[in-house]
Amino acid sequence: MTLLAEEKRWKGTVTDLNATLRNRYPHLTDDPASFPRQVNKLSSAIRRVTPPLRRMGVSISFDRQGRAGERIIRMETQ
């Protein structure tokens, strides 16, 4: 939510998202009990919170892009 409050839109891989969140908000992401360490766990956590975020006005979509089928997350506030 903090990331989208600043940017309104974000697009990238889960690895990109993990790096962005860790660089910008180390105080929120340093605790291993509250923030997933592995990117596959982060992706699963995002999928679990998608319905409540949608009710809060955040749109999240998971797509594939390019010939290699790179997995992309698109997030934006409405």
PDB file of N, CA and C in Angstrom:
ATOM      1  N   MET A   1       0.832  -1.193   0.000  1.00  0.00           N
ATOM      2  CA  MET A   1       0.000   0.000   0.000  1.00  0.00           C
ATOM      3  C   MET A   1       0.873   1.252   0.000  1.00  0.00           C
ATOM      4  N   THR A   2       1.957   1.232   0.756  1.00  0.00           N
ATOM      5  CA  THR A   2       2.840   2.390   0.816  1.00  0.00           C
ATOM      6  C   THR A   2       3.478   2.653  -0.543  1.00  0.00           C
ATOM      7  N   LEU A   3       3.894   1.603  -1.210  1.00  0.00           N
ATOM      8  CA  LEU A   3       4.490   1.744  -2.544  1.00  0.00           C
ATOM      9  C   LEU A   3       3.490   2.362  -3.513  1.00  0.00           C
ATOM     10  N   LEU A   4       2.258   1.879  -3.496  1.00  0.00           N
ATOM     11  CA  LEU A   4       1.253   2.400  -4.426  1.00  0.00           C
ATOM     12  C   LEU A   4       0.769   3.791  -4.029  1.00  0.00           C
ATOM     13  N   ALA A   5       0.886   4.153  -2.785  1.00  0.00           N
ATOM     14  CA  ALA A   5       0.534   5.513  -2.379  1.00  0.00           C
ATOM     15  C   ALA A   5       1.517   6.513  -2.980  1.00  0.00           C
ATOM     16  N   GLU A   6       2.741   6.079  -3.181  1.00  0.00           N
ATOM     17  CA  GLU A   6       3.771   6.950  -3.762  1.00  0.00           C
ATOM     18  C   GLU A   6       3.727   6.954  -5.286  1.00  0.00           C
ATOM     19  N   GLU A   7       3.486   5.795  -5.905  1.00  0.00           N
ATOM     20  CA  GLU A   7       3.626   5.681  -7.362  1.00  0.00           C
ATOM     21  C   GLU A   7       2.323   5.524  -8.131  1.00  0.00           C
ATOM     22  N   LYS A   8       1.266   5.069  -7.511  1.00  0.00           N
ATOM     23  CA  LYS A   8      -0.035   4.806  -8.138  1.00  0.00           C
ATOM     24  C   LYS A   8      -0.026   3.583  -9.050  1.00  0.00           C
ATOM     25  N   ARG A   9       1.095   3.290  -9.722  1.00  0.00           N
ATOM     26  CA  ARG A   9       1.219   2.112 -10.580  1.00  0.00           C
ATOM     27  C   ARG A   9       2.589   1.500 -10.396  1.00  0.00           C
ATOM     28  N   TRP A  10       2.621   0.182 -10.480  1.00  0.00           N
ATOM     29  CA  TRP A  10       3.895  -0.530 -10.432  1.00  0.00           C
ATOM     30  C   TRP A  10       3.768  -1.763 -11.313  1.00  0.00           C
ATOM     31  N   LYS A  11       4.839  -2.077 -12.042  1.00  0.00           N
ATOM     32  CA  LYS A  11       4.854  -3.243 -12.930  1.00  0.00           C
ATOM     33  C   LYS A  11       6.248  -3.854 -12.890  1.00  0.00           C
ATOM     34  N   GLY A  12       6.307  -5.169 -12.785  1.00  0.00           N
ATOM     35  CA  GLY A  12       7.593  -5.860 -12.786  1.00  0.00           C
ATOM     36  C   GLY A  12       7.434  -7.297 -12.332  1.00  0.00           C
ATOM     37  N   THR A  13       8.558  -7.976 -12.197  1.00  0.00           N
ATOM     38  CA  THR A  13       8.532  -9.355 -11.718  1.00  0.00           C
ATOM     39  C   THR A  13       8.465  -9.355 -10.194  1.00  0.00           C
ATOM     40  N   VAL A  14       8.208 -10.512  -9.630  1.00  0.00           N
ATOM     41  CA  VAL A  14       8.179 -10.625  -8.178  1.00  0.00           C
ATOM     42  C   VAL A  14       9.571 -10.339  -7.611  1.00  0.00           C
ATOM     43  N   THR A  15      10.596 -10.733  -8.336  1.00  0.00           N
ATOM     44  CA  THR A  15      11.964 -10.450  -7.913  1.00  0.00           C
ATOM     45  C   THR A  15      12.198  -8.941  -7.875  1.00  0.00           C
ATOM     46  N   ASP A  16      11.710  -8.234  -8.884  1.00  0.00           N
ATOM     47  CA  ASP A  16      11.813  -6.768  -8.905  1.00  0.00           C
ATOM     48  C   ASP A  16      11.058  -6.149  -7.732  1.00  0.00           C
ATOM     49  N   LEU A  17       9.866  -6.663  -7.481  1.00  0.00           N
ATOM     50  CA  LEU A  17       9.059  -6.145  -6.379  1.00  0.00           C
ATOM     51  C   LEU A  17       9.755  -6.374  -5.042  1.00  0.00           C
ATOM     52  N   ASN A  18      10.294  -7.552  -4.863  1.00  0.00           N
ATOM     53  CA  ASN A  18      11.018  -7.874  -3.637  1.00  0.00           C
ATOM     54  C   ASN A  18      12.183  -6.904  -3.430  1.00  0.00           C
ATOM     55  N   ALA A  19      12.964  -6.682  -4.478  1.00  0.00           N
ATOM     56  CA  ALA A  19      14.105  -5.770  -4.382  1.00  0.00           C
ATOM     57  C   ALA A  19      13.650  -4.339  -4.105  1.00  0.00           C
ATOM     58  N   THR A  20      12.598  -3.901  -4.780  1.00  0.00           N
ATOM     59  CA  THR A  20      12.068  -2.542  -4.584  1.00  0.00           C
ATOM     60  C   THR A  20      11.611  -2.341  -3.152  1.00  0.00           C
ATOM     61  N   LEU A  21      10.840  -3.286  -2.640  1.00  0.00           N
ATOM     62  CA  LEU A  21      10.339  -3.161  -1.274  1.00  0.00           C
ATOM     63  C   LEU A  21      11.465  -3.196  -0.256  1.00  0.00           C
ATOM     64  N   ARG A  22      12.432  -4.074  -0.441  1.00  0.00           N
ATOM     65  CA  ARG A  22      13.561  -4.168   0.502  1.00  0.00           C
ATOM     66  C   ARG A  22      14.436  -2.911   0.468  1.00  0.00           C
ATOM     67  N   ASN A  23      14.626  -2.330  -0.705  1.00  0.00           N
ATOM     68  CA  ASN A  23      15.445  -1.117  -0.806  1.00  0.00           C
ATOM     69  C   ASN A  23      14.738   0.110  -0.238  1.00  0.00           C
ATOM     70  N   ARG A  24      13.459   0.254  -0.531  1.00  0.00           N
ATOM     71  CA  ARG A  24      12.725   1.453  -0.115  1.00  0.00           C
ATOM     72  C   ARG A  24      12.236   1.402   1.332  1.00  0.00           C
ATOM     73  N   TYR A  25      11.885   0.203   1.790  1.00  0.00           N
ATOM     74  CA  TYR A  25      11.258   0.087   3.107  1.00  0.00           C
ATOM     75  C   TYR A  25      11.945  -0.992   3.955  1.00  0.00           C
ATOM     76  N   PRO A  26      13.218  -0.815   4.262  1.00  0.00           N
ATOM     77  CA  PRO A  26      13.914  -1.861   5.027  1.00  0.00           C
ATOM     78  C   PRO A  26      13.310  -2.080   6.417  1.00  0.00           C
ATOM     79  N   HIS A  27      12.767  -1.042   7.009  1.00  0.00           N
ATOM     80  CA  HIS A  27      12.164  -1.188   8.335  1.00  0.00           C
ATOM     81  C   HIS A  27      10.917  -2.072   8.306  1.00  0.00           C
ATOM     82  N   LEU A  28      10.268  -2.201   7.146  1.00  0.00           N
ATOM     83  CA  LEU A  28       9.086  -3.052   7.018  1.00  0.00           C
ATOM     84  C   LEU A  28       9.425  -4.467   6.551  1.00  0.00           C
ATOM     85  N   THR A  29      10.562  -4.631   5.901  1.00  0.00           N
ATOM     86  CA  THR A  29      10.878  -5.910   5.270  1.00  0.00           C
ATOM     87  C   THR A  29      11.983  -6.697   5.970  1.00  0.00           C
ATOM     88  N   ASP A  30      12.586  -6.159   7.006  1.00  0.00           N
ATOM     89  CA  ASP A  30      13.688  -6.852   7.676  1.00  0.00           C
ATOM     90  C   ASP A  30      13.243  -8.005   8.571  1.00  0.00           C
ATOM     91  N   ASP A  31      12.024  -7.978   9.049  1.00  0.00           N
ATOM     92  CA  ASP A  31      11.546  -9.016   9.958  1.00  0.00           C
ATOM     93  C   ASP A  31      11.124 -10.259   9.173  1.00  0.00           C
ATOM     94  N   PRO A  32      11.863 -11.379   9.308  1.00  0.00           N
ATOM     95  CA  PRO A  32      11.523 -12.583   8.543  1.00  0.00           C
ATOM     96  C   PRO A  32      10.185 -13.200   8.949  1.00  0.00           C
ATOM     97  N   ALA A  33       9.694 -12.871  10.119  1.00  0.00           N
ATOM     98  CA  ALA A  33       8.407 -13.416  10.561  1.00  0.00           C
ATOM     99  C   ALA A  33       7.223 -12.734   9.876  1.00  0.00           C
ATOM    100  N   SER A  34       7.411 -11.479   9.439  1.00  0.00           N
ATOM    101  CA  SER A  34       6.294 -10.757   8.841  1.00  0.00           C
ATOM    102  C   SER A  34       6.458 -10.485   7.344  1.00  0.00           C
ATOM    103  N   PHE A  35       7.657 -10.699   6.800  1.00  0.00           N
ATOM    104  CA  PHE A  35       7.867 -10.464   5.376  1.00  0.00           C
ATOM    105  C   PHE A  35       8.589 -11.671   4.782  1.00  0.00           C
ATOM    106  N   PRO A  36       8.028 -12.270   3.706  1.00  0.00           N
ATOM    107  CA  PRO A  36       8.620 -13.486   3.124  1.00  0.00           C
ATOM    108  C   PRO A  36      10.036 -13.251   2.593  1.00  0.00           C
ATOM    109  N   ARG A  37      10.898 -14.211   2.810  1.00  0.00           N
ATOM    110  CA  ARG A  37      12.278 -14.135   2.312  1.00  0.00           C
ATOM    111  C   ARG A  37      12.387 -14.583   0.858  1.00  0.00           C
ATOM    112  N   GLN A  38      11.660 -15.630   0.470  1.00  0.00           N
ATOM    113  CA  GLN A  38      11.745 -16.145  -0.892  1.00  0.00           C
ATOM    114  C   GLN A  38      10.682 -15.485  -1.765  1.00  0.00           C
ATOM    115  N   VAL A  39      11.035 -15.285  -3.042  1.00  0.00           N
ATOM    116  CA  VAL A  39      10.110 -14.607  -3.945  1.00  0.00           C
ATOM    117  C   VAL A  39       8.858 -15.434  -4.224  1.00  0.00           C
ATOM    118  N   ASN A  40       8.959 -16.761  -4.225  1.00  0.00           N
ATOM    119  CA  ASN A  40       7.754 -17.568  -4.439  1.00  0.00           C
ATOM    120  C   ASN A  40       6.788 -17.409  -3.263  1.00  0.00           C
ATOM    121  N   LYS A  41       7.306 -17.237  -2.066  1.00  0.00           N
ATOM    122  CA  LYS A  41       6.452 -17.000  -0.897  1.00  0.00           C
ATOM    123  C   LYS A  41       5.818 -15.616  -0.973  1.00  0.00           C
ATOM    124  N   LEU A  42       6.562 -14.639  -1.481  1.00  0.00           N
ATOM    125  CA  LEU A  42       6.017 -13.292  -1.659  1.00  0.00           C
ATOM    126  C   LEU A  42       4.883 -13.313  -2.676  1.00  0.00           C
ATOM    127  N   SER A  43       5.073 -14.028  -3.769  1.00  0.00           N
ATOM    128  CA  SER A  43       4.038 -14.142  -4.789  1.00  0.00           C
ATOM    129  C   SER A  43       2.769 -14.779  -4.204  1.00  0.00           C
ATOM    130  N   SER A  44       2.934 -15.825  -3.424  1.00  0.00           N
ATOM    131  CA  SER A  44       1.787 -16.483  -2.789  1.00  0.00           C
ATOM    132  C   SER A  44       1.075 -15.541  -1.823  1.00  0.00           C
ATOM    133  N   ALA A  45       1.854 -14.774  -1.070  1.00  0.00           N
ATOM    134  CA  ALA A  45       1.266 -13.824  -0.121  1.00  0.00           C
ATOM    135  C   ALA A  45       0.468 -12.747  -0.856  1.00  0.00           C
ATOM    136  N   ILE A  46       0.990 -12.283  -1.981  1.00  0.00           N
ATOM    137  CA  ILE A  46       0.278 -11.264  -2.767  1.00  0.00           C
ATOM    138  C   ILE A  46      -1.033 -11.833  -3.301  1.00  0.00           C
ATOM    139  N   ARG A  47      -1.000 -13.056  -3.772  1.00  0.00           N
ATOM    140  CA  ARG A  47      -2.223 -13.690  -4.285  1.00  0.00           C
ATOM    141  C   ARG A  47      -3.274 -13.836  -3.173  1.00  0.00           C
ATOM    142  N   ARG A  48      -2.832 -14.144  -1.957  1.00  0.00           N
ATOM    143  CA  ARG A  48      -3.766 -14.291  -0.844  1.00  0.00           C
ATOM    144  C   ARG A  48      -4.424 -12.979  -0.453  1.00  0.00           C
ATOM    145  N   VAL A  49      -3.693 -11.861  -0.563  1.00  0.00           N
ATOM    146  CA  VAL A  49      -4.261 -10.577  -0.138  1.00  0.00           C
ATOM    147  C   VAL A  49      -4.892  -9.792  -1.285  1.00  0.00           C
ATOM    148  N   THR A  50      -4.931 -10.367  -2.488  1.00  0.00           N
ATOM    149  CA  THR A  50      -5.533  -9.676  -3.621  1.00  0.00           C
ATOM    150  C   THR A  50      -6.997  -9.302  -3.388  1.00  0.00           C
ATOM    151  N   PRO A  51      -7.861 -10.202  -2.900  1.00  0.00           N
ATOM    152  CA  PRO A  51      -9.269  -9.811  -2.686  1.00  0.00           C
ATOM    153  C   PRO A  51      -9.451  -8.636  -1.713  1.00  0.00           C
ATOM    154  N   PRO A  52      -8.800  -8.640  -0.543  1.00  0.00           N
ATOM    155  CA  PRO A  52      -8.969  -7.471   0.334  1.00  0.00           C
ATOM    156  C   PRO A  52      -8.401  -6.183  -0.276  1.00  0.00           C
ATOM    157  N   LEU A  53      -7.299  -6.304  -1.009  1.00  0.00           N
ATOM    158  CA  LEU A  53      -6.727  -5.113  -1.648  1.00  0.00           C
ATOM    159  C   LEU A  53      -7.657  -4.577  -2.731  1.00  0.00           C
ATOM    160  N   ARG A  54      -8.317  -5.476  -3.445  1.00  0.00           N
ATOM    161  CA  ARG A  54      -9.267  -5.052  -4.476  1.00  0.00           C
ATOM    162  C   ARG A  54     -10.393  -4.228  -3.846  1.00  0.00           C
ATOM    163  N   ARG A  55     -10.855  -4.657  -2.677  1.00  0.00           N
ATOM    164  CA  ARG A  55     -11.906  -3.911  -1.982  1.00  0.00           C
ATOM    165  C   ARG A  55     -11.417  -2.539  -1.522  1.00  0.00           C
ATOM    166  N   MET A  56     -10.099  -2.410  -1.357  1.00  0.00           N
ATOM    167  CA  MET A  56      -9.516  -1.129  -0.952  1.00  0.00           C
ATOM    168  C   MET A  56      -9.143  -0.257  -2.148  1.00  0.00           C
ATOM    169  N   GLY A  57      -9.457  -0.729  -3.368  1.00  0.00           N
ATOM    170  CA  GLY A  57      -9.203   0.062  -4.562  1.00  0.00           C
ATOM    171  C   GLY A  57      -7.881  -0.211  -5.248  1.00  0.00           C
ATOM    172  N   VAL A  58      -7.252  -1.352  -4.935  1.00  0.00           N
ATOM    173  CA  VAL A  58      -5.986  -1.714  -5.571  1.00  0.00           C
ATOM    174  C   VAL A  58      -6.239  -2.857  -6.538  1.00  0.00           C
ATOM    175  N   SER A  59      -5.843  -2.653  -7.780  1.00  0.00           N
ATOM    176  CA  SER A  59      -5.985  -3.671  -8.808  1.00  0.00           C
ATOM    177  C   SER A  59      -4.651  -4.394  -8.972  1.00  0.00           C
ATOM    178  N   ILE A  60      -4.685  -5.730  -8.896  1.00  0.00           N
ATOM    179  CA  ILE A  60      -3.482  -6.539  -9.067  1.00  0.00           C
ATOM    180  C   ILE A  60      -3.758  -7.583 -10.128  1.00  0.00           C
ATOM    181  N   SER A  61      -2.849  -7.687 -11.099  1.00  0.00           N
ATOM    182  CA  SER A  61      -2.982  -8.729 -12.117  1.00  0.00           C
ATOM    183  C   SER A  61      -1.639  -9.423 -12.306  1.00  0.00           C
ATOM    184  N   PHE A  62      -1.720 -10.697 -12.637  1.00  0.00           N
ATOM    185  CA  PHE A  62      -0.543 -11.514 -12.907  1.00  0.00           C
ATOM    186  C   PHE A  62      -0.601 -11.913 -14.364  1.00  0.00           C
ATOM    187  N   ASP A  63       0.429 -11.576 -15.127  1.00  0.00           N
ATOM    188  CA  ASP A  63       0.466 -11.855 -16.564  1.00  0.00           C
ATOM    189  C   ASP A  63       1.794 -12.494 -16.933  1.00  0.00           C
ATOM    190  N   ARG A  64       1.858 -12.951 -18.161  1.00  0.00           N
ATOM    191  CA  ARG A  64       3.120 -13.430 -18.734  1.00  0.00           C
ATOM    192  C   ARG A  64       3.474 -12.509 -19.885  1.00  0.00           C
ATOM    193  N   GLN A  65       4.780 -12.279 -20.047  1.00  0.00           N
ATOM    194  CA  GLN A  65       5.235 -11.314 -21.049  1.00  0.00           C
ATOM    195  C   GLN A  65       6.455 -11.856 -21.775  1.00  0.00           C
ATOM    196  N   GLY A  66       6.540 -11.548 -23.034  1.00  0.00           N
ATOM    197  CA  GLY A  66       7.712 -11.919 -23.822  1.00  0.00           C
ATOM    198  C   GLY A  66       7.700 -13.370 -24.267  1.00  0.00           C
ATOM    199  N   ARG A  67       8.707 -13.721 -25.029  1.00  0.00           N
ATOM    200  CA  ARG A  67       8.804 -15.078 -25.574  1.00  0.00           C
ATOM    201  C   ARG A  67       9.081 -16.105 -24.487  1.00  0.00           C
ATOM    202  N   ALA A  68       9.793 -15.695 -23.453  1.00  0.00           N
ATOM    203  CA  ALA A  68      10.135 -16.623 -22.375  1.00  0.00           C
ATOM    204  C   ALA A  68       8.986 -16.782 -21.379  1.00  0.00           C
ATOM    205  N   GLY A  69       7.962 -15.971 -21.495  1.00  0.00           N
ATOM    206  CA  GLY A  69       6.823 -16.067 -20.585  1.00  0.00           C
ATOM    207  C   GLY A  69       7.119 -15.551 -19.192  1.00  0.00           C
ATOM    208  N   GLU A  70       7.917 -14.503 -19.130  1.00  0.00           N
ATOM    209  CA  GLU A  70       8.278 -13.916 -17.835  1.00  0.00           C
ATOM    210  C   GLU A  70       7.016 -13.491 -17.087  1.00  0.00           C
ATOM    211  N   ARG A  71       6.927 -13.848 -15.827  1.00  0.00           N
ATOM    212  CA  ARG A  71       5.751 -13.536 -15.019  1.00  0.00           C
ATOM    213  C   ARG A  71       5.825 -12.107 -14.509  1.00  0.00           C
ATOM    214  N   ILE A  72       4.794 -11.343 -14.815  1.00  0.00           N
ATOM    215  CA  ILE A  72       4.750  -9.922 -14.483  1.00  0.00           C
ATOM    216  C   ILE A  72       3.571  -9.653 -13.550  1.00  0.00           C
ATOM    217  N   ILE A  73       3.812  -8.813 -12.549  1.00  0.00           N
ATOM    218  CA  ILE A  73       2.746  -8.344 -11.672  1.00  0.00           C
ATOM    219  C   ILE A  73       2.483  -6.893 -12.032  1.00  0.00           C
ATOM    220  N   ARG A  74       1.209  -6.555 -12.185  1.00  0.00           N
ATOM    221  CA  ARG A  74       0.804  -5.172 -12.402  1.00  0.00           C
ATOM    222  C   ARG A  74      -0.078  -4.768 -11.232  1.00  0.00           C
ATOM    223  N   MET A  75       0.275  -3.665 -10.596  1.00  0.00           N
ATOM    224  CA  MET A  75      -0.510  -3.160  -9.474  1.00  0.00           C
ATOM    225  C   MET A  75      -0.798  -1.678  -9.707  1.00  0.00           C
ATOM    226  N   GLU A  76      -2.018  -1.262  -9.402  1.00  0.00           N
ATOM    227  CA  GLU A  76      -2.337   0.153  -9.499  1.00  0.00           C
ATOM    228  C   GLU A  76      -3.519   0.490  -8.608  1.00  0.00           C
ATOM    229  N   THR A  77      -3.541   1.722  -8.182  1.00  0.00           N
ATOM    230  CA  THR A  77      -4.673   2.198  -7.386  1.00  0.00           C
ATOM    231  C   THR A  77      -5.672   2.830  -8.333  1.00  0.00           C
ATOM    232  N   GLN A  78      -6.925   2.777  -7.947  1.00  0.00           N
ATOM    233  CA  GLN A  78      -7.979   3.306  -8.806  1.00  0.00           C
ATOM    234  C   GLN A  78      -8.467   4.637  -8.316  1.00  0.00           C
TER     235      GLN A  78
END
